PDB file of all heavy atoms in Angstrom:
ATOM      1  N   LEU A   1       0.825  -1.171  -0.005  1.00  0.00           N
ATOM      2  CA  LEU A   1       0.010   0.000  -0.018  1.00  0.00           C
ATOM      3  C   LEU A   1       0.861   1.229  -0.014  1.00  0.00           C
ATOM      4  O   LEU A   1       1.846   1.293   0.684  1.00  0.00           O
ATOM      5  CB  LEU A   1      -0.911  -0.026   1.263  1.00  0.00           C
ATOM      6  CG  LEU A   1      -1.996   1.012   1.325  1.00  0.00           C
ATOM      7  CD1 LEU A   1      -3.073   0.794   0.193  1.00  0.00           C
ATOM      8  CD2 LEU A   1      -2.685   0.997   2.678  1.00  0.00           C
ATOM      9  N   TYR A   2       0.474   2.248  -0.798  1.00  0.00           N
ATOM     10  CA  TYR A   2       1.183   3.526  -0.895  1.00  0.00           C
ATOM     11  C   TYR A   2       0.138   4.648  -0.627  1.00  0.00           C
ATOM     12  O   TYR A   2      -1.032   4.554  -0.899  1.00  0.00           O
ATOM     13  CB  TYR A   2       1.801   3.746  -2.282  1.00  0.00           C
ATOM     14  CG  TYR A   2       2.738   2.702  -2.748  1.00  0.00           C
ATOM     15  CD1 TYR A   2       2.357   1.496  -3.274  1.00  0.00           C
ATOM     16  CD2 TYR A   2       4.120   2.927  -2.699  1.00  0.00           C
ATOM     17  CE1 TYR A   2       3.251   0.579  -3.726  1.00  0.00           C
ATOM     18  CE2 TYR A   2       5.041   2.021  -3.086  1.00  0.00           C
ATOM     19  CZ  TYR A   2       4.619   0.798  -3.621  1.00  0.00           C
ATOM     20  OH  TYR A   2       5.515  -0.132  -4.076  1.00  0.00           O
ATOM     21  N   TYR A   3       0.692   5.780  -0.183  1.00  0.00           N
ATOM     22  CA  TYR A   3      -0.128   6.996  -0.064  1.00  0.00           C
ATOM     23  C   TYR A   3       0.692   8.235  -0.408  1.00  0.00           C
ATOM     24  O   TYR A   3       1.921   8.234  -0.395  1.00  0.00           O
ATOM     25  CB  TYR A   3      -0.697   7.122   1.346  1.00  0.00           C
ATOM     26  CG  TYR A   3       0.282   7.557   2.380  1.00  0.00           C
ATOM     27  CD1 TYR A   3       0.528   8.877   2.761  1.00  0.00           C
ATOM     28  CD2 TYR A   3       1.061   6.505   3.119  1.00  0.00           C
ATOM     29  CE1 TYR A   3       1.466   9.201   3.660  1.00  0.00           C
ATOM     30  CE2 TYR A   3       1.981   6.868   4.043  1.00  0.00           C
ATOM     31  CZ  TYR A   3       2.210   8.218   4.326  1.00  0.00           C
ATOM     32  OH  TYR A   3       3.180   8.562   5.291  1.00  0.00           O
ATOM     33  N   LYS A   4      -0.005   9.304  -0.729  1.00  0.00           N
ATOM     34  CA  LYS A   4       0.674  10.602  -0.942  1.00  0.00           C
ATOM     35  C   LYS A   4      -0.294  11.727  -0.613  1.00  0.00           C
ATOM     36  O   LYS A   4      -1.483  11.568  -0.634  1.00  0.00           O
ATOM     37  CB  LYS A   4       1.154  10.685  -2.428  1.00  0.00           C
ATOM     38  CG  LYS A   4       0.043  10.847  -3.453  1.00  0.00           C
ATOM     39  CD  LYS A   4       0.715  11.037  -4.879  1.00  0.00           C
ATOM     40  CE  LYS A   4      -0.403  11.201  -5.914  1.00  0.00           C
ATOM     41  NZ  LYS A   4       0.155  11.420  -7.248  1.00  0.00           N
ATOM     42  N   VAL A   5       0.310  12.914  -0.425  1.00  0.00           N
ATOM     43  CA  VAL A   5      -0.482  14.102  -0.136  1.00  0.00           C
ATOM     44  C   VAL A   5      -0.356  15.009  -1.384  1.00  0.00           C
ATOM     45  O   VAL A   5       0.738  15.293  -1.794  1.00  0.00           O
ATOM     46  CB  VAL A   5       0.026  14.811   1.118  1.00  0.00           C
ATOM     47  CG1 VAL A   5      -0.766  16.122   1.349  1.00  0.00           C
ATOM     48  CG2 VAL A   5      -0.059  13.951   2.333  1.00  0.00           C
ATOM     49  N   GLY A   6      -1.456  15.397  -1.957  1.00  0.00           N
ATOM     50  CA  GLY A   6      -1.441  16.341  -3.111  1.00  0.00           C
ATOM     51  C   GLY A   6      -0.690  15.732  -4.248  1.00  0.00           C
ATOM     52  O   GLY A   6      -0.865  14.577  -4.624  1.00  0.00           O
ATOM     53  N   ASN A   7       0.241  16.503  -4.794  1.00  0.00           N
ATOM     54  CA  ASN A   7       1.024  16.040  -5.966  1.00  0.00           C
ATOM     55  C   ASN A   7       2.440  15.514  -5.441  1.00  0.00           C
ATOM     56  O   ASN A   7       3.359  15.472  -6.237  1.00  0.00           O
ATOM     57  CB  ASN A   7       1.272  17.233  -6.947  1.00  0.00           C
ATOM     58  CG  ASN A   7      -0.004  17.644  -7.553  1.00  0.00           C
ATOM     59  OD1 ASN A   7      -0.840  16.775  -7.866  1.00  0.00           O
ATOM     60  ND2 ASN A   7      -0.216  18.914  -7.748  1.00  0.00           N
ATOM     61  N   GLY A   8       2.505  15.211  -4.207  1.00  0.00           N
ATOM     62  CA  GLY A   8       3.785  14.663  -3.625  1.00  0.00           C
ATOM     63  C   GLY A   8       4.105  13.298  -4.146  1.00  0.00           C
ATOM     64  O   GLY A   8       3.380  12.678  -4.961  1.00  0.00           O
ATOM     65  N   ASP A   9       5.229  12.751  -3.675  1.00  0.00           N
ATOM     66  CA  ASP A   9       5.705  11.398  -4.101  1.00  0.00           C
ATOM     67  C   ASP A   9       4.915  10.344  -3.353  1.00  0.00           C
ATOM     68  O   ASP A   9       4.387  10.562  -2.211  1.00  0.00           O
ATOM     69  CB  ASP A   9       7.127  11.225  -3.815  1.00  0.00           C
ATOM     70  CG  ASP A   9       8.059  12.169  -4.655  1.00  0.00           C
ATOM     71  OD1 ASP A   9       7.577  12.508  -5.758  1.00  0.00           O
ATOM     72  OD2 ASP A   9       9.084  12.571  -4.141  1.00  0.00           O
ATOM     73  N   TRP A  10       4.792   9.182  -3.973  1.00  0.00           N
ATOM     74  CA  TRP A  10       4.188   8.039  -3.307  1.00  0.00           C
ATOM     75  C   TRP A  10       5.092   7.548  -2.210  1.00  0.00           C
ATOM     76  O   TRP A  10       6.246   7.383  -2.410  1.00  0.00           O
ATOM     77  CB  TRP A  10       3.873   6.935  -4.308  1.00  0.00           C
ATOM     78  CG  TRP A  10       2.743   7.190  -5.259  1.00  0.00           C
ATOM     79  CD1 TRP A  10       2.876   7.477  -6.556  1.00  0.00           C
ATOM     80  CD2 TRP A  10       1.364   7.239  -4.961  1.00  0.00           C
ATOM     81  NE1 TRP A  10       1.609   7.701  -7.140  1.00  0.00           N
ATOM     82  CE2 TRP A  10       0.706   7.495  -6.100  1.00  0.00           C
ATOM     83  CE3 TRP A  10       0.657   6.973  -3.775  1.00  0.00           C
ATOM     84  CZ2 TRP A  10      -0.706   7.576  -6.222  1.00  0.00           C
ATOM     85  CZ3 TRP A  10      -0.750   7.068  -3.855  1.00  0.00           C
ATOM     86  CH2 TRP A  10      -1.399   7.399  -4.994  1.00  0.00           C
ATOM     87  N   THR A  11       4.532   7.288  -1.035  1.00  0.00           N
ATOM     88  CA  THR A  11       5.227   6.729   0.082  1.00  0.00           C
ATOM     89  C   THR A  11       4.760   5.368   0.458  1.00  0.00           C
ATOM     90  O   THR A  11       3.517   5.146   0.579  1.00  0.00           O
ATOM     91  CB  THR A  11       5.046   7.669   1.318  1.00  0.00           C
ATOM     92  OG1 THR A  11       5.542   9.006   1.019  1.00  0.00           O
ATOM     93  CG2 THR A  11       5.788   7.068   2.533  1.00  0.00           C
ATOM     94  N   LYS A  12       5.695   4.401   0.504  1.00  0.00           N
ATOM     95  CA  LYS A  12       5.264   3.035   0.932  1.00  0.00           C
ATOM     96  C   LYS A  12       4.777   3.111   2.337  1.00  0.00           C
ATOM     97  O   LYS A  12       5.356   3.644   3.223  1.00  0.00           O
ATOM     98  CB  LYS A  12       6.459   2.110   0.828  1.00  0.00           C
ATOM     99  CG  LYS A  12       6.224   0.706   1.389  1.00  0.00           C
ATOM    100  CD  LYS A  12       7.501  -0.111   1.405  1.00  0.00           C
ATOM    101  CE  LYS A  12       7.256  -1.427   2.215  1.00  0.00           C
ATOM    102  NZ  LYS A  12       8.527  -2.232   2.317  1.00  0.00           N
ATOM    103  N   ASN A  13       3.591   2.467   2.535  1.00  0.00           N
ATOM    104  CA  ASN A  13       3.024   2.333   3.895  1.00  0.00           C
ATOM    105  C   ASN A  13       3.292   1.003   4.559  1.00  0.00           C
ATOM    106  O   ASN A  13       3.924   0.902   5.556  1.00  0.00           O
ATOM    107  CB  ASN A  13       1.561   2.685   3.916  1.00  0.00           C
ATOM    108  CG  ASN A  13       0.956   2.614   5.284  1.00  0.00           C
ATOM    109  OD1 ASN A  13       0.198   1.675   5.603  1.00  0.00           O
ATOM    110  ND2 ASN A  13       1.264   3.635   6.124  1.00  0.00           N
ATOM    111  N   ASN A  14       2.811  -0.065   3.872  1.00  0.00           N
ATOM    112  CA  ASN A  14       2.953  -1.358   4.501  1.00  0.00           C
ATOM    113  C   ASN A  14       2.639  -2.451   3.492  1.00  0.00           C
ATOM    114  O   ASN A  14       1.998  -2.229   2.488  1.00  0.00           O
ATOM    115  CB  ASN A  14       2.024  -1.492   5.744  1.00  0.00           C
ATOM    116  CG  ASN A  14       2.564  -2.477   6.775  1.00  0.00           C
ATOM    117  OD1 ASN A  14       3.562  -3.157   6.533  1.00  0.00           O
ATOM    118  ND2 ASN A  14       1.982  -2.412   7.947  1.00  0.00           N
ATOM    119  N   ASP A  15       3.040  -3.685   3.819  1.00  0.00           N
ATOM    120  CA  ASP A  15       2.756  -4.877   3.066  1.00  0.00           C
ATOM    121  C   ASP A  15       1.751  -5.731   3.796  1.00  0.00           C
ATOM    122  O   ASP A  15       1.850  -5.783   5.064  1.00  0.00           O
ATOM    123  CB  ASP A  15       3.940  -5.697   2.692  1.00  0.00           C
ATOM    124  CG  ASP A  15       4.883  -5.028   1.732  1.00  0.00           C
ATOM    125  OD1 ASP A  15       4.510  -3.979   1.179  1.00  0.00           O
ATOM    126  OD2 ASP A  15       6.061  -5.490   1.559  1.00  0.00           O
ATOM    127  N   THR A  16       0.797  -6.361   3.150  1.00  0.00           N
ATOM    128  CA  THR A  16      -0.187  -7.201   3.781  1.00  0.00           C
ATOM    129  C   THR A  16      -0.642  -8.352   2.903  1.00  0.00           C
ATOM    130  O   THR A  16      -0.607  -8.242   1.655  1.00  0.00           O
ATOM    131  CB  THR A  16      -1.368  -6.376   4.261  1.00  0.00           C
ATOM    132  OG1 THR A  16      -2.393  -7.264   4.895  1.00  0.00           O
ATOM    133  CG2 THR A  16      -2.060  -5.684   3.082  1.00  0.00           C
ATOM    134  N   VAL A  17      -1.045  -9.481   3.496  1.00  0.00           N
ATOM    135  CA  VAL A  17      -1.620 -10.552   2.742  1.00  0.00           C
ATOM    136  C   VAL A  17      -3.113 -10.396   2.622  1.00  0.00           C
ATOM    137  O   VAL A  17      -3.742 -11.167   1.867  1.00  0.00           O
ATOM    138  CB  VAL A  17      -1.264 -11.917   3.375  1.00  0.00           C
ATOM    139  CG1 VAL A  17       0.219 -12.142   3.390  1.00  0.00           C
ATOM    140  CG2 VAL A  17      -1.834 -12.041   4.772  1.00  0.00           C
ATOM    141  N   ASN A  18      -3.651  -9.492   3.298  1.00  0.00           N
ATOM    142  CA  ASN A  18      -5.084  -9.146   3.310  1.00  0.00           C
ATOM    143  C   ASN A  18      -5.512  -8.254   2.102  1.00  0.00           C
ATOM    144  O   ASN A  18      -4.605  -7.689   1.486  1.00  0.00           O
ATOM    145  CB  ASN A  18      -5.594  -8.646   4.591  1.00  0.00           C
ATOM    146  CG  ASN A  18      -5.274  -9.636   5.760  1.00  0.00           C
ATOM    147  OD1 ASN A  18      -5.534 -10.762   5.690  1.00  0.00           O
ATOM    148  ND2 ASN A  18      -4.696  -9.027   6.829  1.00  0.00           N
ATOM    149  N   THR A  19      -6.757  -8.092   1.919  1.00  0.00           N
ATOM    150  CA  THR A  19      -7.285  -7.185   0.861  1.00  0.00           C
ATOM    151  C   THR A  19      -7.870  -5.913   1.485  1.00  0.00           C
ATOM    152  O   THR A  19      -8.695  -5.233   0.907  1.00  0.00           O
ATOM    153  CB  THR A  19      -8.323  -7.872  -0.049  1.00  0.00           C
ATOM    154  OG1 THR A  19      -9.371  -8.373   0.760  1.00  0.00           O
ATOM    155  CG2 THR A  19      -7.679  -8.988  -0.834  1.00  0.00           C
ATOM    156  N   SER A  20      -7.406  -5.595   2.676  1.00  0.00           N
ATOM    157  CA  SER A  20      -7.797  -4.337   3.305  1.00  0.00           C
ATOM    158  C   SER A  20      -6.712  -3.973   4.334  1.00  0.00           C
ATOM    159  O   SER A  20      -6.025  -4.838   4.867  1.00  0.00           O
ATOM    160  CB  SER A  20      -9.175  -4.436   3.975  1.00  0.00           C
ATOM    161  OG  SER A  20      -9.126  -5.284   5.087  1.00  0.00           O
ATOM    162  N   TYR A  21      -6.587  -2.686   4.569  1.00  0.00           N
ATOM    163  CA  TYR A  21      -5.595  -2.231   5.497  1.00  0.00           C
ATOM    164  C   TYR A  21      -5.915  -0.836   5.972  1.00  0.00           C
ATOM    165  O   TYR A  21      -6.431  -0.025   5.199  1.00  0.00           O
ATOM    166  CB  TYR A  21      -4.154  -2.223   4.869  1.00  0.00           C
ATOM    167  CG  TYR A  21      -3.036  -1.962   5.812  1.00  0.00           C
ATOM    168  CD1 TYR A  21      -2.599  -2.975   6.733  1.00  0.00           C
ATOM    169  CD2 TYR A  21      -2.521  -0.694   6.011  1.00  0.00           C
ATOM    170  CE1 TYR A  21      -1.608  -2.751   7.617  1.00  0.00           C
ATOM    171  CE2 TYR A  21      -1.527  -0.444   6.950  1.00  0.00           C
ATOM    172  CZ  TYR A  21      -1.105  -1.449   7.719  1.00  0.00           C
ATOM    173  OH  TYR A  21      -0.104  -1.245   8.714  1.00  0.00           O
ATOM    174  N   THR A  22      -5.694  -0.565   7.254  1.00  0.00           N
ATOM    175  CA  THR A  22      -5.934   0.741   7.826  1.00  0.00           C
ATOM    176  C   THR A  22      -4.656   1.492   7.957  1.00  0.00           C
ATOM    177  O   THR A  22      -3.788   1.074   8.685  1.00  0.00           O
ATOM    178  CB  THR A  22      -6.669   0.640   9.211  1.00  0.00           C
ATOM    179  OG1 THR A  22      -7.903  -0.043   9.067  1.00  0.00           O
ATOM    180  CG2 THR A  22      -6.915   1.997   9.757  1.00  0.00           C
ATOM    181  N   VAL A  23      -4.564   2.653   7.280  1.00  0.00           N
ATOM    182  CA  VAL A  23      -3.387   3.477   7.377  1.00  0.00           C
ATOM    183  C   VAL A  23      -3.534   4.440   8.515  1.00  0.00           C
ATOM    184  O   VAL A  23      -4.476   5.184   8.608  1.00  0.00           O
ATOM    185  CB  VAL A  23      -3.196   4.275   6.017  1.00  0.00           C
ATOM    186  CG1 VAL A  23      -1.879   5.139   6.109  1.00  0.00           C
ATOM    187  CG2 VAL A  23      -3.137   3.343   4.865  1.00  0.00           C
ATOM    188  N   LYS A  24      -2.559   4.426   9.471  1.00  0.00           N
ATOM    189  CA  LYS A  24      -2.664   5.200  10.668  1.00  0.00           C
ATOM    190  C   LYS A  24      -1.625   6.326  10.591  1.00  0.00           C
ATOM    191  O   LYS A  24      -0.813   6.426   9.696  1.00  0.00           O
ATOM    192  CB  LYS A  24      -2.402   4.305  11.874  1.00  0.00           C
ATOM    193  CG  LYS A  24      -3.396   3.171  12.015  1.00  0.00           C
ATOM    194  CD  LYS A  24      -3.052   2.275  13.199  1.00  0.00           C
ATOM    195  CE  LYS A  24      -4.024   1.099  13.242  1.00  0.00           C
ATOM    196  NZ  LYS A  24      -3.688   0.142  14.357  1.00  0.00           N
ATOM    197  N   GLY A  25      -1.701   7.186  11.598  1.00  0.00           N
ATOM    198  CA  GLY A  25      -0.771   8.297  11.689  1.00  0.00           C
ATOM    199  C   GLY A  25      -1.001   9.437  10.739  1.00  0.00           C
ATOM    200  O   GLY A  25      -0.061  10.171  10.406  1.00  0.00           O
ATOM    201  N   LEU A  26      -2.234   9.540  10.204  1.00  0.00           N
ATOM    202  CA  LEU A  26      -2.580  10.602   9.280  1.00  0.00           C
ATOM    203  C   LEU A  26      -2.999  11.874   9.952  1.00  0.00           C
ATOM    204  O   LEU A  26      -3.359  11.810  11.185  1.00  0.00           O
ATOM    205  CB  LEU A  26      -3.669  10.103   8.335  1.00  0.00           C
ATOM    206  CG  LEU A  26      -3.412   8.804   7.582  1.00  0.00           C
ATOM    207  CD1 LEU A  26      -4.578   8.427   6.760  1.00  0.00           C
ATOM    208  CD2 LEU A  26      -2.137   8.932   6.760  1.00  0.00           C
ATOM    209  N   ARG A  27      -2.970  13.006   9.282  1.00  0.00           N
ATOM    210  CA  ARG A  27      -3.382  14.314   9.839  1.00  0.00           C
ATOM    211  C   ARG A  27      -4.806  14.579   9.399  1.00  0.00           C
ATOM    212  O   ARG A  27      -5.186  14.587   8.280  1.00  0.00           O
ATOM    213  CB  ARG A  27      -2.468  15.412   9.324  1.00  0.00           C
ATOM    214  CG  ARG A  27      -1.052  15.344   9.906  1.00  0.00           C
ATOM    215  CD  ARG A  27      -0.156  16.404   9.277  1.00  0.00           C
ATOM    216  NE  ARG A  27       0.098  16.189   7.908  1.00  0.00           N
ATOM    217  CZ  ARG A  27       0.350  17.108   6.979  1.00  0.00           C
ATOM    218  NH1 ARG A  27       0.264  18.379   7.363  1.00  0.00           N
ATOM    219  NH2 ARG A  27       0.517  16.800   5.731  1.00  0.00           N
ATOM    220  N   SER A  28      -5.592  14.919  10.430  1.00  0.00           N
ATOM    221  CA  SER A  28      -7.069  15.203  10.185  1.00  0.00           C
ATOM    222  C   SER A  28      -7.171  16.461   9.393  1.00  0.00           C
ATOM    223  O   SER A  28      -6.443  17.445   9.527  1.00  0.00           O
ATOM    224  CB  SER A  28      -7.799  15.372  11.529  1.00  0.00           C
ATOM    225  OG  SER A  28      -9.176  15.451  11.335  1.00  0.00           O
ATOM    226  N   GLY A  29      -8.107  16.479   8.408  1.00  0.00           N
ATOM    227  CA  GLY A  29      -8.332  17.585   7.554  1.00  0.00           C
ATOM    228  C   GLY A  29      -7.451  17.642   6.321  1.00  0.00           C
ATOM    229  O   GLY A  29      -7.626  18.550   5.460  1.00  0.00           O
ATOM    230  N   VAL A  30      -6.598  16.636   6.116  1.00  0.00           N
ATOM    231  CA  VAL A  30      -5.692  16.595   4.946  1.00  0.00           C
ATOM    232  C   VAL A  30      -6.240  15.540   4.010  1.00  0.00           C
ATOM    233  O   VAL A  30      -6.657  14.440   4.342  1.00  0.00           O
ATOM    234  CB  VAL A  30      -4.294  16.183   5.385  1.00  0.00           C
ATOM    235  CG1 VAL A  30      -3.341  16.023   4.217  1.00  0.00           C
ATOM    236  CG2 VAL A  30      -3.741  17.330   6.316  1.00  0.00           C
ATOM    237  N   LYS A  31      -6.171  15.880   2.701  1.00  0.00           N
ATOM    238  CA  LYS A  31      -6.604  14.945   1.628  1.00  0.00           C
ATOM    239  C   LYS A  31      -5.453  14.045   1.216  1.00  0.00           C
ATOM    240  O   LYS A  31      -4.316  14.523   0.914  1.00  0.00           O
ATOM    241  CB  LYS A  31      -7.063  15.723   0.400  1.00  0.00           C
ATOM    242  CG  LYS A  31      -7.678  14.803  -0.661  1.00  0.00           C
ATOM    243  CD  LYS A  31      -8.211  15.723  -1.864  1.00  0.00           C
ATOM    244  CE  LYS A  31      -8.804  14.836  -2.883  1.00  0.00           C
ATOM    245  NZ  LYS A  31      -9.384  15.645  -4.040  1.00  0.00           N
ATOM    246  N   TYR A  32      -5.639  12.759   1.259  1.00  0.00           N
ATOM    247  CA  TYR A  32      -4.714  11.746   0.866  1.00  0.00           C
ATOM    248  C   TYR A  32      -5.124  10.971  -0.322  1.00  0.00           C
ATOM    249  O   TYR A  32      -6.340  10.715  -0.508  1.00  0.00           O
ATOM    250  CB  TYR A  32      -4.453  10.767   2.000  1.00  0.00           C
ATOM    251  CG  TYR A  32      -3.786  11.397   3.273  1.00  0.00           C
ATOM    252  CD1 TYR A  32      -4.516  12.030   4.240  1.00  0.00           C
ATOM    253  CD2 TYR A  32      -2.334  11.332   3.413  1.00  0.00           C
ATOM    254  CE1 TYR A  32      -3.905  12.599   5.350  1.00  0.00           C
ATOM    255  CE2 TYR A  32      -1.712  11.894   4.529  1.00  0.00           C
ATOM    256  CZ  TYR A  32      -2.542  12.544   5.433  1.00  0.00           C
ATOM    257  OH  TYR A  32      -1.951  13.090   6.554  1.00  0.00           O
ATOM    258  N   SER A  33      -4.152  10.467  -1.091  1.00  0.00           N
ATOM    259  CA  SER A  33      -4.441   9.513  -2.233  1.00  0.00           C
ATOM    260  C   SER A  33      -3.777   8.231  -1.850  1.00  0.00           C
ATOM    261  O   SER A  33      -2.679   8.181  -1.243  1.00  0.00           O
ATOM    262  CB  SER A  33      -3.934  10.061  -3.551  1.00  0.00           C
ATOM    263  OG  SER A  33      -4.596  11.277  -3.904  1.00  0.00           O
ATOM    264  N   PHE A  34      -4.396   7.101  -2.252  1.00  0.00           N
ATOM    265  CA  PHE A  34      -3.870   5.793  -1.956  1.00  0.00           C
ATOM    266  C   PHE A  34      -3.846   4.926  -3.286  1.00  0.00           C
ATOM    267  O   PHE A  34      -4.696   5.096  -4.131  1.00  0.00           O
ATOM    268  CB  PHE A  34      -4.767   5.092  -0.941  1.00  0.00           C
ATOM    269  CG  PHE A  34      -4.903   5.828   0.401  1.00  0.00           C
ATOM    270  CD1 PHE A  34      -5.868   6.827   0.511  1.00  0.00           C
ATOM    271  CD2 PHE A  34      -4.043   5.621   1.415  1.00  0.00           C
ATOM    272  CE1 PHE A  34      -5.982   7.518   1.727  1.00  0.00           C
ATOM    273  CE2 PHE A  34      -4.099   6.351   2.612  1.00  0.00           C
ATOM    274  CZ  PHE A  34      -5.125   7.264   2.742  1.00  0.00           C
ATOM    275  N   CYS A  35      -2.897   4.009  -3.343  1.00  0.00           N
ATOM    276  CA  CYS A  35      -2.879   3.035  -4.378  1.00  0.00           C
ATOM    277  C   CYS A  35      -2.256   1.715  -3.846  1.00  0.00           C
ATOM    278  O   CYS A  35      -1.588   1.708  -2.789  1.00  0.00           O
ATOM    279  CB  CYS A  35      -2.126   3.529  -5.619  1.00  0.00           C
ATOM    280  SG  CYS A  35      -0.361   3.625  -5.394  1.00  0.00           S
ATOM    281  N   VAL A  36      -2.457   0.675  -4.580  1.00  0.00           N
ATOM    282  CA  VAL A  36      -2.005  -0.741  -4.149  1.00  0.00           C
ATOM    283  C   VAL A  36      -1.307  -1.374  -5.302  1.00  0.00           C
ATOM    284  O   VAL A  36      -1.755  -1.184  -6.468  1.00  0.00           O
ATOM    285  CB  VAL A  36      -3.188  -1.541  -3.611  1.00  0.00           C
ATOM    286  CG1 VAL A  36      -2.691  -2.867  -3.070  1.00  0.00           C
ATOM    287  CG2 VAL A  36      -3.977  -0.757  -2.575  1.00  0.00           C
ATOM    288  N   ARG A  37      -0.350  -2.245  -5.017  1.00  0.00           N
ATOM    289  CA  ARG A  37       0.214  -3.065  -6.109  1.00  0.00           C
ATOM    290  C   ARG A  37       0.579  -4.384  -5.433  1.00  0.00           C
ATOM    291  O   ARG A  37       0.770  -4.499  -4.227  1.00  0.00           O
ATOM    292  CB  ARG A  37       1.397  -2.391  -6.796  1.00  0.00           C
ATOM    293  CG  ARG A  37       2.639  -2.170  -5.997  1.00  0.00           C
ATOM    294  CD  ARG A  37       3.596  -1.208  -6.621  1.00  0.00           C
ATOM    295  NE  ARG A  37       3.807  -1.453  -8.054  1.00  0.00           N
ATOM    296  CZ  ARG A  37       4.597  -0.698  -8.796  1.00  0.00           C
ATOM    297  NH1 ARG A  37       5.277   0.313  -8.303  1.00  0.00           N
ATOM    298  NH2 ARG A  37       4.755  -0.959 -10.056  1.00  0.00           N
ATOM    299  N   CYS A  38       0.781  -5.412  -6.307  1.00  0.00           N
ATOM    300  CA  CYS A  38       1.124  -6.751  -5.833  1.00  0.00           C
ATOM    301  C   CYS A  38       2.656  -6.883  -5.709  1.00  0.00           C
ATOM    302  O   CYS A  38       3.411  -6.319  -6.561  1.00  0.00           O
ATOM    303  CB  CYS A  38       0.647  -7.824  -6.806  1.00  0.00           C
ATOM    304  SG  CYS A  38      -1.155  -7.824  -7.088  1.00  0.00           S
ATOM    305  N   VAL A  39       3.098  -7.605  -4.710  1.00  0.00           N
ATOM    306  CA  VAL A  39       4.537  -7.846  -4.482  1.00  0.00           C
ATOM    307  C   VAL A  39       4.663  -9.366  -4.211  1.00  0.00           C
ATOM    308  O   VAL A  39       3.700 -10.014  -3.839  1.00  0.00           O
ATOM    309  CB  VAL A  39       5.156  -7.029  -3.373  1.00  0.00           C
ATOM    310  CG1 VAL A  39       5.144  -5.559  -3.790  1.00  0.00           C
ATOM    311  CG2 VAL A  39       4.450  -7.248  -2.065  1.00  0.00           C
ATOM    312  N   ASN A  40       5.881  -9.858  -4.284  1.00  0.00           N
ATOM    313  CA  ASN A  40       6.096 -11.256  -3.965  1.00  0.00           C
ATOM    314  C   ASN A  40       6.069 -11.435  -2.447  1.00  0.00           C
ATOM    315  O   ASN A  40       6.038 -10.436  -1.718  1.00  0.00           O
ATOM    316  CB  ASN A  40       7.389 -11.807  -4.552  1.00  0.00           C
ATOM    317  CG  ASN A  40       8.643 -11.138  -3.950  1.00  0.00           C
ATOM    318  OD1 ASN A  40       8.524 -10.116  -3.274  1.00  0.00           O
ATOM    319  ND2 ASN A  40       9.782 -11.714  -4.223  1.00  0.00           N
ATOM    320  N   SER A  41       6.036 -12.716  -2.011  1.00  0.00           N
ATOM    321  CA  SER A  41       5.880 -12.984  -0.540  1.00  0.00           C
ATOM    322  C   SER A  41       6.943 -12.372   0.288  1.00  0.00           C
ATOM    323  O   SER A  41       6.743 -12.026   1.483  1.00  0.00           O
ATOM    324  CB  SER A  41       5.788 -14.482  -0.334  1.00  0.00           C
ATOM    325  OG  SER A  41       6.965 -15.118  -0.797  1.00  0.00           O
ATOM    326  N   ALA A  42       8.200 -12.241  -0.289  1.00  0.00           N
ATOM    327  CA  ALA A  42       9.311 -11.711   0.455  1.00  0.00           C
ATOM    328  C   ALA A  42       9.265 -10.133   0.505  1.00  0.00           C
ATOM    329  O   ALA A  42      10.015  -9.528   1.218  1.00  0.00           O
ATOM    330  CB  ALA A  42      10.617 -12.196  -0.074  1.00  0.00           C
ATOM    331  N   GLY A  43       8.448  -9.612  -0.343  1.00  0.00           N
ATOM    332  CA  GLY A  43       8.349  -8.127  -0.529  1.00  0.00           C
ATOM    333  C   GLY A  43       9.520  -7.504  -1.252  1.00  0.00           C
ATOM    334  O   GLY A  43       9.752  -6.282  -1.199  1.00  0.00           O
ATOM    335  N   THR A  44      10.299  -8.318  -2.012  1.00  0.00           N
ATOM    336  CA  THR A  44      11.449  -7.860  -2.677  1.00  0.00           C
ATOM    337  C   THR A  44      11.260  -7.500  -4.137  1.00  0.00           C
ATOM    338  O   THR A  44      12.041  -6.792  -4.749  1.00  0.00           O
ATOM    339  CB  THR A  44      12.591  -8.890  -2.607  1.00  0.00           C
ATOM    340  OG1 THR A  44      12.132 -10.090  -3.136  1.00  0.00           O
ATOM    341  CG2 THR A  44      13.028  -9.092  -1.176  1.00  0.00           C
ATOM    342  N   THR A  45      10.101  -7.970  -4.670  1.00  0.00           N
ATOM    343  CA  THR A  45       9.864  -7.746  -6.086  1.00  0.00           C
ATOM    344  C   THR A  45       8.378  -7.369  -6.298  1.00  0.00           C
ATOM    345  O   THR A  45       7.443  -7.943  -5.794  1.00  0.00           O
ATOM    346  CB  THR A  45      10.059  -9.066  -6.893  1.00  0.00           C
ATOM    347  OG1 THR A  45      11.388  -9.578  -6.674  1.00  0.00           O
ATOM    348  CG2 THR A  45       9.925  -8.828  -8.367  1.00  0.00           C
ATOM    349  N   VAL A  46       8.234  -6.230  -7.074  1.00  0.00           N
ATOM    350  CA  VAL A  46       6.883  -5.721  -7.434  1.00  0.00           C
ATOM    351  C   VAL A  46       6.439  -6.530  -8.672  1.00  0.00           C
ATOM    352  O   VAL A  46       7.154  -6.662  -9.625  1.00  0.00           O
ATOM    353  CB  VAL A  46       6.974  -4.238  -7.691  1.00  0.00           C
ATOM    354  CG1 VAL A  46       5.572  -3.751  -8.263  1.00  0.00           C
ATOM    355  CG2 VAL A  46       7.324  -3.448  -6.455  1.00  0.00           C
TER     356      VAL A  46
END
């Protein structure tokens, strides 16, 4: 899972085997964008 603020760079948040995830530590009142991609089980290859 990745997120970014505005036109900033994508920041890696976390890897998960599930199809949902809660991103924490965000600032209230700020607009965030999120995207997801598949990686291998070791997390070394997209």
